[in-house]
Amino acid sequence: MAEQSTRVTDDEVMKVILDHLVVRGVSAERIVRGATWKADLGIDSLDILTLTQELEDTFHVKIGEEDAIDLRTVGDAIDYIVRVSGGGAARTEGEGAHNA
């Protein structure tokens, strides 16, 4: 049981991303798994950098520069954080709901 409480879920990562981007003026409805940072959400490199730092601090992970470059969508970031935080395939119920 204790293991489950330490797993990071998709929803936890999405909440951090939502909170971060909504404060910067991005509409919550636009923040979905398939959304790309620049083309779909209109955030710049500095916003991406600060979001990356916030994800690292919140979930106690390190996102390497090469890995960060590969995180092109909201879903990429969620999947990466869940994976490196030890959550493995830890997804919320309703895994197929990608908010497309």
PDB file of N, CA and C in Angstrom:
ATOM      1  N   MET A   1       0.810  -1.202   0.000  1.00  0.00           N
ATOM      2  CA  MET A   1       0.000   0.000   0.000  1.00  0.00           C
ATOM      3  C   MET A   1       0.852   1.263   0.000  1.00  0.00           C
ATOM      4  N   ALA A   2       1.932   1.274   0.746  1.00  0.00           N
ATOM      5  CA  ALA A   2       2.778   2.460   0.813  1.00  0.00           C
ATOM      6  C   ALA A   2       3.352   2.808  -0.558  1.00  0.00           C
ATOM      7  N   GLU A   3       3.622   1.782  -1.379  1.00  0.00           N
ATOM      8  CA  GLU A   3       4.182   2.025  -2.706  1.00  0.00           C
ATOM      9  C   GLU A   3       3.251   2.878  -3.552  1.00  0.00           C
ATOM     10  N   GLN A   4       1.957   2.632  -3.447  1.00  0.00           N
ATOM     11  CA  GLN A   4       1.008   3.377  -4.257  1.00  0.00           C
ATOM     12  C   GLN A   4       1.035   4.863  -3.931  1.00  0.00           C
ATOM     13  N   SER A   5       1.222   5.231  -2.671  1.00  0.00           N
ATOM     14  CA  SER A   5       1.206   6.638  -2.283  1.00  0.00           C
ATOM     15  C   SER A   5       2.431   7.396  -2.797  1.00  0.00           C
ATOM     16  N   THR A   6       3.510   6.687  -3.150  1.00  0.00           N
ATOM     17  CA  THR A   6       4.706   7.362  -3.639  1.00  0.00           C
ATOM     18  C   THR A   6       4.738   7.453  -5.164  1.00  0.00           C
ATOM     19  N   ARG A   7       3.817   6.808  -5.826  1.00  0.00           N
ATOM     20  CA  ARG A   7       3.792   6.838  -7.287  1.00  0.00           C
ATOM     21  C   ARG A   7       3.232   8.166  -7.774  1.00  0.00           C
ATOM     22  N   VAL A   8       3.864   8.692  -8.783  1.00  0.00           N
ATOM     23  CA  VAL A   8       3.373   9.911  -9.417  1.00  0.00           C
ATOM     24  C   VAL A   8       2.397   9.490 -10.508  1.00  0.00           C
ATOM     25  N   THR A   9       1.249  10.145 -10.557  1.00  0.00           N
ATOM     26  CA  THR A   9       0.251   9.810 -11.567  1.00  0.00           C
ATOM     27  C   THR A   9       0.208  10.869 -12.664  1.00  0.00           C
ATOM     28  N   ASP A  10      -0.401  10.493 -13.763  1.00  0.00           N
ATOM     29  CA  ASP A  10      -0.607  11.435 -14.865  1.00  0.00           C
ATOM     30  C   ASP A  10      -1.321  12.688 -14.362  1.00  0.00           C
ATOM     31  N   ASP A  11      -2.352  12.489 -13.549  1.00  0.00           N
ATOM     32  CA  ASP A  11      -3.136  13.628 -13.057  1.00  0.00           C
ATOM     33  C   ASP A  11      -2.308  14.592 -12.217  1.00  0.00           C
ATOM     34  N   GLU A  12      -1.391  14.054 -11.407  1.00  0.00           N
ATOM     35  CA  GLU A  12      -0.547  14.927 -10.586  1.00  0.00           C
ATOM     36  C   GLU A  12       0.362  15.793 -11.452  1.00  0.00           C
ATOM     37  N   VAL A  13       0.932  15.191 -12.484  1.00  0.00           N
ATOM     38  CA  VAL A  13       1.812  15.948 -13.377  1.00  0.00           C
ATOM     39  C   VAL A  13       0.992  16.961 -14.169  1.00  0.00           C
ATOM     40  N   MET A  14      -0.159  16.545 -14.670  1.00  0.00           N
ATOM     41  CA  MET A  14      -1.010  17.461 -15.428  1.00  0.00           C
ATOM     42  C   MET A  14      -1.411  18.654 -14.581  1.00  0.00           C
ATOM     43  N   LYS A  15      -1.681  18.451 -13.300  1.00  0.00           N
ATOM     44  CA  LYS A  15      -2.079  19.555 -12.425  1.00  0.00           C
ATOM     45  C   LYS A  15      -0.960  20.593 -12.329  1.00  0.00           C
ATOM     46  N   VAL A  16       0.278  20.146 -12.187  1.00  0.00           N
ATOM     47  CA  VAL A  16       1.411  21.072 -12.118  1.00  0.00           C
ATOM     48  C   VAL A  16       1.532  21.843 -13.428  1.00  0.00           C
ATOM     49  N   ILE A  17       1.409  21.137 -14.549  1.00  0.00           N
ATOM     50  CA  ILE A  17       1.500  21.791 -15.855  1.00  0.00           C
ATOM     51  C   ILE A  17       0.366  22.799 -16.021  1.00  0.00           C
ATOM     52  N   LEU A  18      -0.853  22.395 -15.696  1.00  0.00           N
ATOM     53  CA  LEU A  18      -2.007  23.299 -15.793  1.00  0.00           C
ATOM     54  C   LEU A  18      -1.799  24.540 -14.945  1.00  0.00           C
ATOM     55  N   ASP A  19      -1.456  24.336 -13.681  1.00  0.00           N
ATOM     56  CA  ASP A  19      -1.270  25.470 -12.771  1.00  0.00           C
ATOM     57  C   ASP A  19      -0.203  26.429 -13.304  1.00  0.00           C
ATOM     58  N   HIS A  20       0.869  25.873 -13.803  1.00  0.00           N
ATOM     59  CA  HIS A  20       1.982  26.690 -14.304  1.00  0.00           C
ATOM     60  C   HIS A  20       1.572  27.509 -15.523  1.00  0.00           C
ATOM     61  N   LEU A  21       0.888  26.872 -16.456  1.00  0.00           N
ATOM     62  CA  LEU A  21       0.568  27.543 -17.711  1.00  0.00           C
ATOM     63  C   LEU A  21      -0.633  28.478 -17.617  1.00  0.00           C
ATOM     64  N   VAL A  22      -1.614  28.133 -16.813  1.00  0.00           N
ATOM     65  CA  VAL A  22      -2.794  28.992 -16.670  1.00  0.00           C
ATOM     66  C   VAL A  22      -2.391  30.343 -16.076  1.00  0.00           C
ATOM     67  N   VAL A  23      -1.475  30.332 -15.126  1.00  0.00           N
ATOM     68  CA  VAL A  23      -0.974  31.573 -14.536  1.00  0.00           C
ATOM     69  C   VAL A  23      -0.324  32.446 -15.613  1.00  0.00           C
ATOM     70  N   ARG A  24       0.225  31.810 -16.628  1.00  0.00           N
ATOM     71  CA  ARG A  24       0.887  32.543 -17.712  1.00  0.00           C
ATOM     72  C   ARG A  24      -0.070  32.871 -18.862  1.00  0.00           C
ATOM     73  N   GLY A  25      -1.363  32.691 -18.632  1.00  0.00           N
ATOM     74  CA  GLY A  25      -2.357  33.117 -19.604  1.00  0.00           C
ATOM     75  C   GLY A  25      -2.794  32.092 -20.626  1.00  0.00           C
ATOM     76  N   VAL A  26      -2.375  30.841 -20.472  1.00  0.00           N
ATOM     77  CA  VAL A  26      -2.806  29.801 -21.400  1.00  0.00           C
ATOM     78  C   VAL A  26      -4.151  29.266 -20.918  1.00  0.00           C
ATOM     79  N   SER A  27      -5.099  29.168 -21.825  1.00  0.00           N
ATOM     80  CA  SER A  27      -6.427  28.660 -21.503  1.00  0.00           C
ATOM     81  C   SER A  27      -6.346  27.188 -21.106  1.00  0.00           C
ATOM     82  N   ALA A  28      -6.952  26.839 -19.988  1.00  0.00           N
ATOM     83  CA  ALA A  28      -6.912  25.464 -19.486  1.00  0.00           C
ATOM     84  C   ALA A  28      -7.457  24.468 -20.508  1.00  0.00           C
ATOM     85  N   GLU A  29      -8.430  24.884 -21.294  1.00  0.00           N
ATOM     86  CA  GLU A  29      -9.023  23.992 -22.291  1.00  0.00           C
ATOM     87  C   GLU A  29      -8.024  23.585 -23.378  1.00  0.00           C
ATOM     88  N   ARG A  30      -7.016  24.398 -23.590  1.00  0.00           N
ATOM     89  CA  ARG A  30      -6.006  24.108 -24.616  1.00  0.00           C
ATOM     90  C   ARG A  30      -4.917  23.170 -24.110  1.00  0.00           C
ATOM     91  N   ILE A  31      -4.831  22.990 -22.805  1.00  0.00           N
ATOM     92  CA  ILE A  31      -3.751  22.194 -22.220  1.00  0.00           C
ATOM     93  C   ILE A  31      -4.206  20.735 -22.141  1.00  0.00           C
ATOM     94  N   VAL A  32      -3.913  20.010 -23.209  1.00  0.00           N
ATOM     95  CA  VAL A  32      -4.271  18.598 -23.331  1.00  0.00           C
ATOM     96  C   VAL A  32      -3.019  17.801 -23.669  1.00  0.00           C
ATOM     97  N   ARG A  33      -3.087  16.493 -23.518  1.00  0.00           N
ATOM     98  CA  ARG A  33      -1.913  15.634 -23.728  1.00  0.00           C
ATOM     99  C   ARG A  33      -1.229  15.857 -25.073  1.00  0.00           C
ATOM    100  N   GLY A  34      -1.980  16.039 -26.130  1.00  0.00           N
ATOM    101  CA  GLY A  34      -1.395  16.157 -27.459  1.00  0.00           C
ATOM    102  C   GLY A  34      -0.913  17.550 -27.825  1.00  0.00           C
ATOM    103  N   ALA A  35      -1.125  18.518 -26.953  1.00  0.00           N
ATOM    104  CA  ALA A  35      -0.753  19.910 -27.259  1.00  0.00           C
ATOM    105  C   ALA A  35       0.764  20.083 -27.246  1.00  0.00           C
ATOM    106  N   THR A  36       1.266  20.744 -28.301  1.00  0.00           N
ATOM    107  CA  THR A  36       2.691  21.061 -28.352  1.00  0.00           C
ATOM    108  C   THR A  36       2.915  22.394 -27.646  1.00  0.00           C
ATOM    109  N   TRP A  37       4.082  22.537 -27.060  1.00  0.00           N
ATOM    110  CA  TRP A  37       4.377  23.718 -26.248  1.00  0.00           C
ATOM    111  C   TRP A  37       4.263  25.012 -27.041  1.00  0.00           C
ATOM    112  N   LYS A  38       4.962  25.099 -28.153  1.00  0.00           N
ATOM    113  CA  LYS A  38       5.018  26.360 -28.892  1.00  0.00           C
ATOM    114  C   LYS A  38       3.836  26.525 -29.847  1.00  0.00           C
ATOM    115  N   ALA A  39       3.621  25.551 -30.725  1.00  0.00           N
ATOM    116  CA  ALA A  39       2.595  25.697 -31.760  1.00  0.00           C
ATOM    117  C   ALA A  39       1.179  25.750 -31.177  1.00  0.00           C
ATOM    118  N   ASP A  40       0.866  24.868 -30.239  1.00  0.00           N
ATOM    119  CA  ASP A  40      -0.494  24.795 -29.709  1.00  0.00           C
ATOM    120  C   ASP A  40      -0.731  25.696 -28.503  1.00  0.00           C
ATOM    121  N   LEU A  41       0.275  25.815 -27.645  1.00  0.00           N
ATOM    122  CA  LEU A  41       0.083  26.569 -26.399  1.00  0.00           C
ATOM    123  C   LEU A  41       0.723  27.947 -26.437  1.00  0.00           C
ATOM    124  N   GLY A  42       1.601  28.179 -27.402  1.00  0.00           N
ATOM    125  CA  GLY A  42       2.200  29.499 -27.565  1.00  0.00           C
ATOM    126  C   GLY A  42       3.144  29.920 -26.464  1.00  0.00           C
ATOM    127  N   ILE A  43       3.771  28.940 -25.801  1.00  0.00           N
ATOM    128  CA  ILE A  43       4.722  29.317 -24.753  1.00  0.00           C
ATOM    129  C   ILE A  43       6.137  29.324 -25.327  1.00  0.00           C
ATOM    130  N   ASP A  44       6.960  30.200 -24.787  1.00  0.00           N
ATOM    131  CA  ASP A  44       8.309  30.357 -25.313  1.00  0.00           C
ATOM    132  C   ASP A  44       9.321  29.506 -24.548  1.00  0.00           C
ATOM    133  N   SER A  45      10.556  29.587 -24.980  1.00  0.00           N
ATOM    134  CA  SER A  45      11.622  28.774 -24.394  1.00  0.00           C
ATOM    135  C   SER A  45      11.816  29.038 -22.906  1.00  0.00           C
ATOM    136  N   LEU A  46      11.670  30.286 -22.484  1.00  0.00           N
ATOM    137  CA  LEU A  46      11.810  30.609 -21.064  1.00  0.00           C
ATOM    138  C   LEU A  46      10.698  29.946 -20.250  1.00  0.00           C
ATOM    139  N   ASP A  47       9.468  29.977 -20.761  1.00  0.00           N
ATOM    140  CA  ASP A  47       8.362  29.305 -20.073  1.00  0.00           C
ATOM    141  C   ASP A  47       8.603  27.805 -19.982  1.00  0.00           C
ATOM    142  N   ILE A  48       9.124  27.230 -21.061  1.00  0.00           N
ATOM    143  CA  ILE A  48       9.420  25.797 -21.054  1.00  0.00           C
ATOM    144  C   ILE A  48      10.494  25.487 -20.016  1.00  0.00           C
ATOM    145  N   LEU A  49      11.513  26.335 -19.940  1.00  0.00           N
ATOM    146  CA  LEU A  49      12.584  26.150 -18.964  1.00  0.00           C
ATOM    147  C   LEU A  49      12.045  26.239 -17.530  1.00  0.00           C
ATOM    148  N   THR A  50      11.227  27.241 -17.257  1.00  0.00           N
ATOM    149  CA  THR A  50      10.704  27.379 -15.886  1.00  0.00           C
ATOM    150  C   THR A  50       9.746  26.241 -15.547  1.00  0.00           C
ATOM    151  N   LEU A  51       8.977  25.774 -16.524  1.00  0.00           N
ATOM    152  CA  LEU A  51       8.100  24.623 -16.287  1.00  0.00           C
ATOM    153  C   LEU A  51       8.932  23.381 -15.997  1.00  0.00           C
ATOM    154  N   THR A  52       9.996  23.186 -16.768  1.00  0.00           N
ATOM    155  CA  THR A  52      10.882  22.042 -16.539  1.00  0.00           C
ATOM    156  C   THR A  52      11.447  22.079 -15.125  1.00  0.00           C
ATOM    157  N   GLN A  53      11.888  23.253 -14.685  1.00  0.00           N
ATOM    158  CA  GLN A  53      12.432  23.388 -13.326  1.00  0.00           C
ATOM    159  C   GLN A  53      11.361  23.103 -12.274  1.00  0.00           C
ATOM    160  N   GLU A  54      10.150  23.576 -12.525  1.00  0.00           N
ATOM    161  CA  GLU A  54       9.071  23.327 -11.571  1.00  0.00           C
ATOM    162  C   GLU A  54       8.748  21.834 -11.488  1.00  0.00           C
ATOM    163  N   LEU A  55       8.727  21.156 -12.616  1.00  0.00           N
ATOM    164  CA  LEU A  55       8.485  19.707 -12.615  1.00  0.00           C
ATOM    165  C   LEU A  55       9.603  18.976 -11.874  1.00  0.00           C
ATOM    166  N   GLU A  56      10.850  19.385 -12.098  1.00  0.00           N
ATOM    167  CA  GLU A  56      11.979  18.772 -11.388  1.00  0.00           C
ATOM    168  C   GLU A  56      11.837  18.965  -9.882  1.00  0.00           C
ATOM    169  N   ASP A  57      11.529  20.179  -9.463  1.00  0.00           N
ATOM    170  CA  ASP A  57      11.411  20.483  -8.036  1.00  0.00           C
ATOM    171  C   ASP A  57      10.222  19.771  -7.393  1.00  0.00           C
ATOM    172  N   THR A  58       9.106  19.761  -8.085  1.00  0.00           N
ATOM    173  CA  THR A  58       7.895  19.162  -7.530  1.00  0.00           C
ATOM    174  C   THR A  58       8.012  17.654  -7.381  1.00  0.00           C
ATOM    175  N   PHE A  59       8.575  17.006  -8.391  1.00  0.00           N
ATOM    176  CA  PHE A  59       8.601  15.541  -8.405  1.00  0.00           C
ATOM    177  C   PHE A  59       9.976  14.961  -8.096  1.00  0.00           C
ATOM    178  N   HIS A  60      10.922  15.825  -7.716  1.00  0.00           N
ATOM    179  CA  HIS A  60      12.261  15.395  -7.293  1.00  0.00           C
ATOM    180  C   HIS A  60      12.924  14.505  -8.337  1.00  0.00           C
ATOM    181  N   VAL A  61      12.914  15.004  -9.576  1.00  0.00           N
ATOM    182  CA  VAL A  61      13.566  14.306 -10.682  1.00  0.00           C
ATOM    183  C   VAL A  61      14.507  15.279 -11.374  1.00  0.00           C
ATOM    184  N   LYS A  62      15.367  14.750 -12.214  1.00  0.00           N
ATOM    185  CA  LYS A  62      16.259  15.569 -13.025  1.00  0.00           C
ATOM    186  C   LYS A  62      15.923  15.298 -14.482  1.00  0.00           C
ATOM    187  N   ILE A  63      15.634  16.367 -15.215  1.00  0.00           N
ATOM    188  CA  ILE A  63      15.349  16.253 -16.644  1.00  0.00           C
ATOM    189  C   ILE A  63      16.578  16.754 -17.384  1.00  0.00           C
ATOM    190  N   GLY A  64      17.302  15.838 -18.005  1.00  0.00           N
ATOM    191  CA  GLY A  64      18.501  16.199 -18.733  1.00  0.00           C
ATOM    192  C   GLY A  64      18.165  17.056 -19.950  1.00  0.00           C
ATOM    193  N   GLU A  65      19.136  17.814 -20.407  1.00  0.00           N
ATOM    194  CA  GLU A  65      18.928  18.717 -21.539  1.00  0.00           C
ATOM    195  C   GLU A  65      18.447  17.966 -22.781  1.00  0.00           C
ATOM    196  N   GLU A  66      19.074  16.825 -23.071  1.00  0.00           N
ATOM    197  CA  GLU A  66      18.664  16.041 -24.246  1.00  0.00           C
ATOM    198  C   GLU A  66      17.247  15.517 -24.089  1.00  0.00           C
ATOM    199  N   ASP A  67      16.900  15.077 -22.878  1.00  0.00           N
ATOM    200  CA  ASP A  67      15.548  14.595 -22.633  1.00  0.00           C
ATOM    201  C   ASP A  67      14.542  15.732 -22.770  1.00  0.00           C
ATOM    202  N   ALA A  68      14.882  16.896 -22.258  1.00  0.00           N
ATOM    203  CA  ALA A  68      13.982  18.044 -22.319  1.00  0.00           C
ATOM    204  C   ALA A  68      13.656  18.412 -23.764  1.00  0.00           C
ATOM    205  N   ILE A  69      14.627  18.300 -24.646  1.00  0.00           N
ATOM    206  CA  ILE A  69      14.412  18.610 -26.061  1.00  0.00           C
ATOM    207  C   ILE A  69      13.382  17.668 -26.674  1.00  0.00           C
ATOM    208  N   ASP A  70      13.363  16.423 -26.215  1.00  0.00           N
ATOM    209  CA  ASP A  70      12.431  15.431 -26.757  1.00  0.00           C
ATOM    210  C   ASP A  70      11.014  15.572 -26.222  1.00  0.00           C
ATOM    211  N   LEU A  71      10.821  16.377 -25.185  1.00  0.00           N
ATOM    212  CA  LEU A  71       9.494  16.551 -24.594  1.00  0.00           C
ATOM    213  C   LEU A  71       8.758  17.635 -25.375  1.00  0.00           C
ATOM    214  N   ARG A  72       8.126  17.232 -26.451  1.00  0.00           N
ATOM    215  CA  ARG A  72       7.506  18.197 -27.366  1.00  0.00           C
ATOM    216  C   ARG A  72       6.044  18.494 -27.058  1.00  0.00           C
ATOM    217  N   THR A  73       5.401  17.585 -26.319  1.00  0.00           N
ATOM    218  CA  THR A  73       3.985  17.771 -26.009  1.00  0.00           C
ATOM    219  C   THR A  73       3.754  17.651 -24.502  1.00  0.00           C
ATOM    220  N   VAL A  74       2.572  18.054 -24.089  1.00  0.00           N
ATOM    221  CA  VAL A  74       2.178  17.905 -22.686  1.00  0.00           C
ATOM    222  C   VAL A  74       2.253  16.422 -22.303  1.00  0.00           C
ATOM    223  N   GLY A  75       1.753  15.561 -23.163  1.00  0.00           N
ATOM    224  CA  GLY A  75       1.782  14.123 -22.891  1.00  0.00           C
ATOM    225  C   GLY A  75       3.187  13.569 -22.763  1.00  0.00           C
ATOM    226  N   ASP A  76       4.115  14.069 -23.584  1.00  0.00           N
ATOM    227  CA  ASP A  76       5.516  13.637 -23.474  1.00  0.00           C
ATOM    228  C   ASP A  76       6.056  13.949 -22.084  1.00  0.00           C
ATOM    229  N   ALA A  77       5.759  15.148 -21.591  1.00  0.00           N
ATOM    230  CA  ALA A  77       6.243  15.558 -20.272  1.00  0.00           C
ATOM    231  C   ALA A  77       5.622  14.699 -19.175  1.00  0.00           C
ATOM    232  N   ILE A  78       4.320  14.472 -19.279  1.00  0.00           N
ATOM    233  CA  ILE A  78       3.630  13.638 -18.280  1.00  0.00           C
ATOM    234  C   ILE A  78       4.241  12.250 -18.253  1.00  0.00           C
ATOM    235  N   ASP A  79       4.349  11.621 -19.418  1.00  0.00           N
ATOM    236  CA  ASP A  79       4.887  10.256 -19.484  1.00  0.00           C
ATOM    237  C   ASP A  79       6.311  10.186 -18.950  1.00  0.00           C
ATOM    238  N   TYR A  80       7.136  11.180 -19.267  1.00  0.00           N
ATOM    239  CA  TYR A  80       8.523  11.200 -18.809  1.00  0.00           C
ATOM    240  C   TYR A  80       8.594  11.288 -17.285  1.00  0.00           C
ATOM    241  N   ILE A  81       7.850  12.230 -16.709  1.00  0.00           N
ATOM    242  CA  ILE A  81       7.891  12.412 -15.255  1.00  0.00           C
ATOM    243  C   ILE A  81       7.398  11.166 -14.539  1.00  0.00           C
ATOM    244  N   VAL A  82       6.308  10.580 -15.012  1.00  0.00           N
ATOM    245  CA  VAL A  82       5.785   9.362 -14.395  1.00  0.00           C
ATOM    246  C   VAL A  82       6.837   8.253 -14.465  1.00  0.00           C
ATOM    247  N   ARG A  83       7.480   8.126 -15.611  1.00  0.00           N
ATOM    248  CA  ARG A  83       8.470   7.057 -15.797  1.00  0.00           C
ATOM    249  C   ARG A  83       9.690   7.251 -14.908  1.00  0.00           C
ATOM    250  N   VAL A  84      10.286   8.458 -14.909  1.00  0.00           N
ATOM    251  CA  VAL A  84      11.529   8.652 -14.162  1.00  0.00           C
ATOM    252  C   VAL A  84      11.311   8.793 -12.663  1.00  0.00           C
ATOM    253  N   SER A  85      10.085   9.060 -12.263  1.00  0.00           N
ATOM    254  CA  SER A  85       9.821   9.190 -10.827  1.00  0.00           C
ATOM    255  C   SER A  85       9.553   7.836 -10.187  1.00  0.00           C
ATOM    256  N   GLY A  86       9.642   6.784 -10.979  1.00  0.00           N
ATOM    257  CA  GLY A  86       9.427   5.453 -10.432  1.00  0.00           C
ATOM    258  C   GLY A  86       7.999   4.989 -10.574  1.00  0.00           C
ATOM    259  N   GLY A  87       7.181   5.788 -11.232  1.00  0.00           N
ATOM    260  CA  GLY A  87       5.789   5.408 -11.418  1.00  0.00           C
ATOM    261  C   GLY A  87       5.606   4.353 -12.473  1.00  0.00           C
ATOM    262  N   GLY A  88       6.638   4.129 -13.285  1.00  0.00           N
ATOM    263  CA  GLY A  88       6.540   3.123 -14.333  1.00  0.00           C
ATOM    264  C   GLY A  88       5.361   3.408 -15.225  1.00  0.00           C
ATOM    265  N   ALA A  89       4.463   2.463 -15.297  1.00  0.00           N
ATOM    266  CA  ALA A  89       3.271   2.631 -16.138  1.00  0.00           C
ATOM    267  C   ALA A  89       2.107   3.162 -15.315  1.00  0.00           C
ATOM    268  N   ALA A  90       2.391   3.816 -14.216  1.00  0.00           N
ATOM    269  CA  ALA A  90       1.328   4.303 -13.342  1.00  0.00           C
ATOM    270  C   ALA A  90       0.515   5.366 -14.056  1.00  0.00           C
ATOM    271  N   ARG A  91      -0.664   4.990 -14.431  1.00  0.00           N
ATOM    272  CA  ARG A  91      -1.584   5.928 -15.070  1.00  0.00           C
ATOM    273  C   ARG A  91      -2.847   5.935 -14.259  1.00  0.00           C
ATOM    274  N   THR A  92      -3.571   6.983 -14.403  1.00  0.00           N
ATOM    275  CA  THR A  92      -4.840   7.052 -13.711  1.00  0.00           C
ATOM    276  C   THR A  92      -5.815   6.118 -14.390  1.00  0.00           C
ATOM    277  N   GLU A  93      -6.894   5.800 -13.723  1.00  0.00           N
ATOM    278  CA  GLU A  93      -7.941   5.013 -14.349  1.00  0.00           C
ATOM    279  C   GLU A  93      -8.432   5.789 -15.550  1.00  0.00           C
ATOM    280  N   GLY A  94      -8.849   5.092 -16.577  1.00  0.00           N
ATOM    281  CA  GLY A  94      -9.280   5.789 -17.782  1.00  0.00           C
ATOM    282  C   GLY A  94      -8.088   6.202 -18.618  1.00  0.00           C
ATOM    283  N   GLU A  95      -7.084   5.351 -18.650  1.00  0.00           N
ATOM    284  CA  GLU A  95      -5.821   5.640 -19.330  1.00  0.00           C
ATOM    285  C   GLU A  95      -6.013   6.094 -20.768  1.00  0.00           C
ATOM    286  N   GLY A  96      -7.039   5.620 -21.431  1.00  0.00           N
ATOM    287  CA  GLY A  96      -7.243   5.950 -22.821  1.00  0.00           C
ATOM    288  C   GLY A  96      -7.732   7.370 -23.037  1.00  0.00           C
ATOM    289  N   ALA A  97      -8.139   8.065 -22.019  1.00  0.00           N
ATOM    290  CA  ALA A  97      -8.653   9.427 -22.166  1.00  0.00           C
ATOM    291  C   ALA A  97      -7.498  10.398 -22.333  1.00  0.00           C
ATOM    292  N   HIS A  98      -7.222  10.779 -23.548  1.00  0.00           N
ATOM    293  CA  HIS A  98      -6.094  11.678 -23.837  1.00  0.00           C
ATOM    294  C   HIS A  98      -6.542  13.109 -24.027  1.00  0.00           C
ATOM    295  N   ASN A  99      -7.779  13.404 -23.745  1.00  0.00           N
ATOM    296  CA  ASN A  99      -8.304  14.763 -23.875  1.00  0.00           C
ATOM    297  C   ASN A  99      -8.073  15.330 -25.260  1.00  0.00           C
ATOM    298  N   ALA A 100      -8.198  14.507 -26.271  1.00  0.00           N
ATOM    299  CA  ALA A 100      -7.910  14.964 -27.635  1.00  0.00           C
ATOM    300  C   ALA A 100      -8.926  15.857 -28.185  1.00  0.00           C
TER     301      ALA A 100
END
